[in-house]
């Protein structure tokens, strides 16, 4: 080798011990990107319409798609409220073809009251809707804190393609972290 010629050596022999570590770190980064960039998204709870299940300020892990709705799942949906696009976070209580009847904050689906542990029901039962059938390709969404929830009782059933994802887990704050059933 001439005095003016430089030879490029990418790794010194002793640096080869770091190659497995670099590969593992790269695989972890790709895995995290796939998990949080493709399959899941973080979403913030803003408001009290899902108390006692979700509190304002909770951060959740949401699926990025939701192909098959199931009764009881908590989902986020893109809706239009008073001409303004909005994203709501509610529980699916009725599926396409179900018959729904509403009395105040109580909702009957196919003749059975739709309730889950922690659902808050107000004392007023002067509001009445139905009975009516949920159209094909739509679901009926309700908040768990029904006295303060803007849900399908007021905006109507929601088309399934407007559902952005299903809540899987709460990851923040740590005092409220856990899986959402």
Foldseek 3Di string as FASTA:
>chain_A
DDPPDDDDDPDDPVCVVCVVVVVVVVVVVVVVCCVDVPFWHKDAAQDDLAPPLDDHGWIFIWTQADDDDDAFFWFWFWDADPNRTDIDTFGFHFAAFWWWKAFQLWIDTNNHTGADPRQAGDPHGNDIDDRDGHHHQWTFTGHSPRVPDDGCSPRNTGGNVRTRGTTFWTDPPPVSTDGDD
